[in-house]
Amino acid sequence: MQLVILTGASGSGKTAIAEAIRTRRPDLAEVLHFDSIGVPSHEERLAWGSDGAWQRAMTLNWMDRIAAMRGGHRPVLFEGQMRLAFVREGLLAAGIADARVILVDCDAAWNGSAVT
């Protein structure tokens, strides 16, 4: 299984890219969204001990879930706002060696009309 991870700041275009692939080229990959598990409030995330603890735990959980999909032959495109250190830790812990991480960024003047 090949895994491509799109990550970056909020509003950078990760979801737009993933949705364009899901709707226009669904044969390319199974598209998964980090936020599909729900995102707790800031206060709820702080209850985990630090603002990053929840994101770390969920990133590791996602990497385990994706590793369990290894029997499938379709590539996986996973998008979400995650710290790169958490992605790296999750990939290592889940034994995923064939992932490519893409940091998505966009020009401040971009209005989204360029996604084709």
N, C-alpha and C. Protein backbone atom coordinates (compact mmCIF):
# COMPACT_ATOMS: atom_id res chain seq x y z
N MET A 1 0.84 -1.18 0.00
CA MET A 1 0.00 0.00 0.00
C MET A 1 0.88 1.24 0.00
N GLN A 2 0.59 2.14 -0.87
CA GLN A 2 1.27 3.43 -0.87
C GLN A 2 0.42 4.41 -0.07
N LEU A 3 1.08 5.25 0.70
CA LEU A 3 0.40 6.25 1.52
C LEU A 3 0.96 7.62 1.22
N VAL A 4 0.06 8.56 0.93
CA VAL A 4 0.43 9.96 0.75
C VAL A 4 -0.31 10.74 1.83
N ILE A 5 0.44 11.56 2.57
CA ILE A 5 -0.14 12.35 3.65
C ILE A 5 -0.03 13.82 3.27
N LEU A 6 -1.17 14.50 3.25
CA LEU A 6 -1.20 15.94 3.04
C LEU A 6 -1.38 16.60 4.39
N THR A 7 -0.47 17.48 4.76
CA THR A 7 -0.59 18.20 6.01
C THR A 7 -0.20 19.64 5.79
N GLY A 8 -0.58 20.48 6.71
CA GLY A 8 -0.28 21.90 6.60
C GLY A 8 -1.21 22.69 7.49
N ALA A 9 -1.06 23.98 7.46
CA ALA A 9 -1.86 24.86 8.31
C ALA A 9 -3.33 24.85 7.91
N SER A 10 -4.16 25.29 8.82
CA SER A 10 -5.57 25.44 8.55
C SER A 10 -5.76 26.40 7.38
N GLY A 11 -6.59 26.02 6.42
CA GLY A 11 -6.86 26.87 5.27
C GLY A 11 -5.84 26.80 4.16
N SER A 12 -4.90 25.87 4.25
CA SER A 12 -3.84 25.80 3.23
C SER A 12 -4.27 25.10 1.95
N GLY A 13 -5.39 24.38 1.98
CA GLY A 13 -5.87 23.70 0.78
C GLY A 13 -5.83 22.19 0.83
N LYS A 14 -5.48 21.61 1.97
CA LYS A 14 -5.38 20.14 2.09
C LYS A 14 -6.70 19.47 1.73
N THR A 15 -7.77 19.92 2.33
CA THR A 15 -9.07 19.29 2.12
C THR A 15 -9.54 19.51 0.69
N ALA A 16 -9.31 20.69 0.15
CA ALA A 16 -9.70 20.95 -1.24
C ALA A 16 -8.99 20.01 -2.21
N ILE A 17 -7.72 19.79 -1.99
CA ILE A 17 -6.95 18.88 -2.84
C ILE A 17 -7.49 17.45 -2.70
N ALA A 18 -7.67 17.02 -1.45
CA ALA A 18 -8.16 15.66 -1.20
C ALA A 18 -9.55 15.45 -1.80
N GLU A 19 -10.43 16.42 -1.64
CA GLU A 19 -11.79 16.29 -2.18
C GLU A 19 -11.79 16.31 -3.71
N ALA A 20 -10.92 17.09 -4.31
CA ALA A 20 -10.82 17.09 -5.77
C ALA A 20 -10.40 15.72 -6.27
N ILE A 21 -9.47 15.10 -5.59
CA ILE A 21 -9.04 13.75 -5.97
C ILE A 21 -10.16 12.75 -5.73
N ARG A 22 -10.83 12.84 -4.58
CA ARG A 22 -11.92 11.91 -4.25
C ARG A 22 -13.05 11.98 -5.26
N THR A 23 -13.41 13.20 -5.68
CA THR A 23 -14.56 13.33 -6.58
C THR A 23 -14.21 13.20 -8.05
N ARG A 24 -13.02 13.66 -8.42
CA ARG A 24 -12.67 13.67 -9.85
C ARG A 24 -11.86 12.47 -10.29
N ARG A 25 -11.13 11.85 -9.35
CA ARG A 25 -10.31 10.69 -9.67
C ARG A 25 -10.39 9.66 -8.55
N PRO A 26 -11.58 9.16 -8.25
CA PRO A 26 -11.74 8.23 -7.12
C PRO A 26 -10.97 6.93 -7.29
N ASP A 27 -10.55 6.63 -8.50
CA ASP A 27 -9.77 5.42 -8.75
C ASP A 27 -8.33 5.54 -8.27
N LEU A 28 -7.86 6.76 -8.01
CA LEU A 28 -6.46 6.96 -7.63
C LEU A 28 -6.14 6.49 -6.23
N ALA A 29 -7.04 6.76 -5.28
CA ALA A 29 -6.73 6.44 -3.89
C ALA A 29 -7.98 6.49 -3.03
N GLU A 30 -7.90 5.81 -1.91
CA GLU A 30 -8.92 5.97 -0.89
C GLU A 30 -8.54 7.22 -0.10
N VAL A 31 -9.47 8.15 0.02
CA VAL A 31 -9.20 9.43 0.68
C VAL A 31 -9.75 9.38 2.10
N LEU A 32 -8.87 9.69 3.06
CA LEU A 32 -9.24 9.72 4.47
C LEU A 32 -8.96 11.11 5.03
N HIS A 33 -9.84 11.55 5.92
CA HIS A 33 -9.72 12.88 6.52
C HIS A 33 -9.54 12.77 8.03
N PHE A 34 -8.48 13.35 8.55
CA PHE A 34 -8.21 13.36 9.99
C PHE A 34 -9.44 13.82 10.76
N ASP A 35 -10.05 14.92 10.33
CA ASP A 35 -11.15 15.52 11.07
C ASP A 35 -12.44 14.70 11.05
N SER A 36 -12.48 13.62 10.28
CA SER A 36 -13.70 12.80 10.24
C SER A 36 -13.99 12.16 11.59
N ILE A 37 -13.00 12.12 12.49
CA ILE A 37 -13.21 11.57 13.83
C ILE A 37 -13.82 12.60 14.77
N GLY A 38 -13.93 13.85 14.30
CA GLY A 38 -14.42 14.93 15.14
C GLY A 38 -13.25 15.60 15.84
N VAL A 39 -13.37 16.88 16.05
CA VAL A 39 -12.31 17.64 16.71
C VAL A 39 -12.89 18.27 17.97
N PRO A 40 -12.35 17.93 19.13
CA PRO A 40 -12.87 18.49 20.37
C PRO A 40 -12.53 19.97 20.51
N SER A 41 -13.21 20.62 21.41
CA SER A 41 -12.94 22.04 21.67
C SER A 41 -11.53 22.20 22.25
N HIS A 42 -11.07 23.43 22.24
CA HIS A 42 -9.75 23.73 22.81
C HIS A 42 -9.68 23.26 24.26
N GLU A 43 -10.72 23.52 25.02
CA GLU A 43 -10.75 23.13 26.43
C GLU A 43 -10.69 21.61 26.59
N GLU A 44 -11.42 20.88 25.74
CA GLU A 44 -11.38 19.42 25.79
C GLU A 44 -10.00 18.89 25.43
N ARG A 45 -9.36 19.51 24.45
CA ARG A 45 -8.00 19.08 24.08
C ARG A 45 -7.03 19.33 25.22
N LEU A 46 -7.19 20.46 25.94
CA LEU A 46 -6.32 20.76 27.07
C LEU A 46 -6.48 19.74 28.20
N ALA A 47 -7.65 19.13 28.29
CA ALA A 47 -7.88 18.10 29.31
C ALA A 47 -6.96 16.89 29.10
N TRP A 48 -6.39 16.77 27.90
CA TRP A 48 -5.44 15.69 27.60
C TRP A 48 -4.07 15.97 28.22
N GLY A 49 -3.88 17.16 28.78
CA GLY A 49 -2.61 17.49 29.43
C GLY A 49 -1.85 18.59 28.74
N SER A 50 -2.00 18.72 27.45
CA SER A 50 -1.40 19.81 26.70
C SER A 50 -2.19 19.94 25.40
N ASP A 51 -2.04 21.07 24.74
CA ASP A 51 -2.80 21.29 23.50
C ASP A 51 -2.41 20.30 22.42
N GLY A 52 -1.17 19.79 22.43
CA GLY A 52 -0.72 18.86 21.40
C GLY A 52 -0.95 17.40 21.72
N ALA A 53 -1.29 17.08 22.96
CA ALA A 53 -1.41 15.67 23.36
C ALA A 53 -2.54 14.96 22.61
N TRP A 54 -3.67 15.63 22.45
CA TRP A 54 -4.79 15.01 21.73
C TRP A 54 -4.40 14.76 20.28
N GLN A 55 -3.81 15.77 19.63
CA GLN A 55 -3.42 15.62 18.23
C GLN A 55 -2.40 14.49 18.07
N ARG A 56 -1.47 14.40 18.97
CA ARG A 56 -0.48 13.32 18.93
C ARG A 56 -1.16 11.97 19.03
N ALA A 57 -2.03 11.81 20.02
CA ALA A 57 -2.72 10.53 20.23
C ALA A 57 -3.56 10.15 19.02
N MET A 58 -4.26 11.10 18.45
CA MET A 58 -5.12 10.80 17.30
C MET A 58 -4.29 10.54 16.04
N THR A 59 -3.17 11.22 15.89
CA THR A 59 -2.29 10.95 14.74
C THR A 59 -1.74 9.54 14.82
N LEU A 60 -1.29 9.11 16.00
CA LEU A 60 -0.80 7.75 16.16
C LEU A 60 -1.92 6.74 15.91
N ASN A 61 -3.13 7.05 16.38
CA ASN A 61 -4.28 6.18 16.16
C ASN A 61 -4.58 6.05 14.66
N TRP A 62 -4.56 7.17 13.95
CA TRP A 62 -4.79 7.13 12.51
C TRP A 62 -3.74 6.28 11.80
N MET A 63 -2.48 6.41 12.18
CA MET A 63 -1.43 5.64 11.51
C MET A 63 -1.64 4.14 11.76
N ASP A 64 -2.09 3.77 12.95
CA ASP A 64 -2.42 2.37 13.23
C ASP A 64 -3.58 1.90 12.35
N ARG A 65 -4.60 2.73 12.22
CA ARG A 65 -5.76 2.37 11.38
C ARG A 65 -5.34 2.20 9.92
N ILE A 66 -4.50 3.11 9.45
CA ILE A 66 -4.04 3.04 8.07
C ILE A 66 -3.16 1.81 7.85
N ALA A 67 -2.31 1.50 8.81
CA ALA A 67 -1.46 0.30 8.70
C ALA A 67 -2.31 -0.96 8.61
N ALA A 68 -3.45 -0.98 9.29
CA ALA A 68 -4.33 -2.14 9.25
C ALA A 68 -4.97 -2.31 7.87
N MET A 69 -4.93 -1.30 7.04
CA MET A 69 -5.49 -1.36 5.69
C MET A 69 -4.49 -1.93 4.69
N ARG A 70 -3.35 -2.33 5.14
CA ARG A 70 -2.26 -2.76 4.25
C ARG A 70 -2.63 -3.87 3.28
N GLY A 71 -3.61 -4.69 3.60
CA GLY A 71 -3.98 -5.77 2.70
C GLY A 71 -4.61 -5.27 1.42
N GLY A 72 -5.12 -4.04 1.43
CA GLY A 72 -5.75 -3.48 0.24
C GLY A 72 -4.72 -3.07 -0.79
N HIS A 73 -5.17 -2.98 -2.01
CA HIS A 73 -4.24 -2.65 -3.09
C HIS A 73 -4.33 -1.20 -3.51
N ARG A 74 -5.33 -0.48 -2.98
CA ARG A 74 -5.47 0.93 -3.34
C ARG A 74 -4.56 1.79 -2.50
N PRO A 75 -3.93 2.77 -3.11
CA PRO A 75 -3.18 3.74 -2.32
C PRO A 75 -4.12 4.51 -1.40
N VAL A 76 -3.57 5.10 -0.36
CA VAL A 76 -4.35 5.89 0.58
C VAL A 76 -3.82 7.32 0.55
N LEU A 77 -4.75 8.27 0.48
CA LEU A 77 -4.44 9.69 0.62
C LEU A 77 -5.06 10.13 1.94
N PHE A 78 -4.23 10.57 2.87
CA PHE A 78 -4.69 10.99 4.19
C PHE A 78 -4.38 12.46 4.38
N GLU A 79 -5.40 13.24 4.73
CA GLU A 79 -5.16 14.66 4.91
C GLU A 79 -5.59 15.11 6.29
N GLY A 80 -4.82 16.04 6.83
CA GLY A 80 -5.17 16.61 8.12
C GLY A 80 -4.09 17.53 8.63
N GLN A 81 -4.48 18.32 9.60
CA GLN A 81 -3.54 19.26 10.22
C GLN A 81 -2.85 18.54 11.37
N MET A 82 -1.60 18.13 11.14
CA MET A 82 -0.85 17.36 12.12
C MET A 82 0.57 17.87 12.19
N ARG A 83 1.13 17.85 13.35
CA ARG A 83 2.55 18.19 13.48
C ARG A 83 3.38 17.12 12.80
N LEU A 84 4.40 17.54 12.07
CA LEU A 84 5.24 16.59 11.35
C LEU A 84 5.90 15.60 12.29
N ALA A 85 6.26 16.04 13.49
CA ALA A 85 6.87 15.12 14.46
C ALA A 85 5.90 14.00 14.84
N PHE A 86 4.61 14.32 14.94
CA PHE A 86 3.61 13.30 15.29
C PHE A 86 3.42 12.34 14.12
N VAL A 87 3.44 12.86 12.90
CA VAL A 87 3.31 12.01 11.72
C VAL A 87 4.48 11.03 11.68
N ARG A 88 5.68 11.53 11.86
CA ARG A 88 6.87 10.67 11.83
C ARG A 88 6.80 9.60 12.91
N GLU A 89 6.44 10.01 14.13
CA GLU A 89 6.32 9.05 15.23
C GLU A 89 5.27 7.99 14.92
N GLY A 90 4.14 8.42 14.39
CA GLY A 90 3.06 7.48 14.06
C GLY A 90 3.44 6.51 12.98
N LEU A 91 4.11 6.99 11.95
CA LEU A 91 4.55 6.10 10.86
C LEU A 91 5.52 5.05 11.38
N LEU A 92 6.48 5.49 12.20
CA LEU A 92 7.45 4.55 12.77
C LEU A 92 6.77 3.52 13.66
N ALA A 93 5.87 3.99 14.54
CA ALA A 93 5.19 3.08 15.47
C ALA A 93 4.31 2.08 14.75
N ALA A 94 3.70 2.50 13.64
CA ALA A 94 2.80 1.62 12.89
C ALA A 94 3.55 0.76 11.87
N GLY A 95 4.85 0.99 11.71
CA GLY A 95 5.63 0.20 10.77
C GLY A 95 5.36 0.55 9.32
N ILE A 96 4.97 1.78 9.07
CA ILE A 96 4.70 2.22 7.70
C ILE A 96 5.97 2.88 7.16
N ALA A 97 6.57 2.26 6.15
CA ALA A 97 7.82 2.77 5.60
C ALA A 97 7.66 3.40 4.23
N ASP A 98 6.50 3.20 3.61
CA ASP A 98 6.33 3.64 2.22
C ASP A 98 5.45 4.88 2.09
N ALA A 99 5.48 5.77 3.07
CA ALA A 99 4.65 6.98 3.04
C ALA A 99 5.42 8.16 2.46
N ARG A 100 4.67 9.04 1.84
CA ARG A 100 5.20 10.31 1.36
C ARG A 100 4.39 11.41 2.04
N VAL A 101 5.08 12.35 2.66
CA VAL A 101 4.42 13.45 3.36
C VAL A 101 4.59 14.72 2.52
N ILE A 102 3.47 15.38 2.26
CA ILE A 102 3.48 16.62 1.49
C ILE A 102 2.97 17.74 2.38
N LEU A 103 3.78 18.76 2.56
CA LEU A 103 3.39 19.93 3.33
C LEU A 103 2.71 20.90 2.37
N VAL A 104 1.42 21.14 2.60
CA VAL A 104 0.63 21.98 1.71
C VAL A 104 0.67 23.42 2.23
N ASP A 105 0.94 24.32 1.33
CA ASP A 105 0.92 25.75 1.64
C ASP A 105 0.36 26.46 0.42
N CYS A 106 -0.19 27.63 0.63
CA CYS A 106 -0.71 28.37 -0.52
C CYS A 106 -0.41 29.84 -0.36
N ASP A 107 -0.42 30.50 -1.48
CA ASP A 107 -0.21 31.95 -1.53
C ASP A 107 -1.40 32.62 -0.83
N ALA A 108 -1.15 33.65 -0.07
CA ALA A 108 -2.22 34.34 0.64
C ALA A 108 -3.27 34.90 -0.31
N ALA A 109 -2.91 35.18 -1.54
CA ALA A 109 -3.85 35.73 -2.52
C ALA A 109 -4.67 34.66 -3.23
N TRP A 110 -4.35 33.39 -3.03
CA TRP A 110 -5.04 32.29 -3.71
C TRP A 110 -6.48 32.25 -3.25
N ASN A 111 -7.41 32.04 -4.19
CA ASN A 111 -8.83 32.01 -3.84
C ASN A 111 -9.46 30.64 -4.05
N GLY A 112 -8.68 29.64 -4.35
CA GLY A 112 -9.20 28.29 -4.52
C GLY A 112 -9.64 27.96 -5.93
N SER A 113 -9.67 28.92 -6.82
CA SER A 113 -10.17 28.67 -8.17
C SER A 113 -9.20 27.88 -9.03
N ALA A 114 -7.98 27.69 -8.57
CA ALA A 114 -6.98 26.99 -9.38
C ALA A 114 -7.05 25.49 -9.25
N VAL A 115 -7.86 24.96 -8.33
CA VAL A 115 -7.95 23.50 -8.17
C VAL A 115 -8.74 22.95 -9.34
N THR A 116 -8.09 22.08 -10.12
CA THR A 116 -8.77 21.49 -11.29
C THR A 116 -8.68 20.00 -11.26
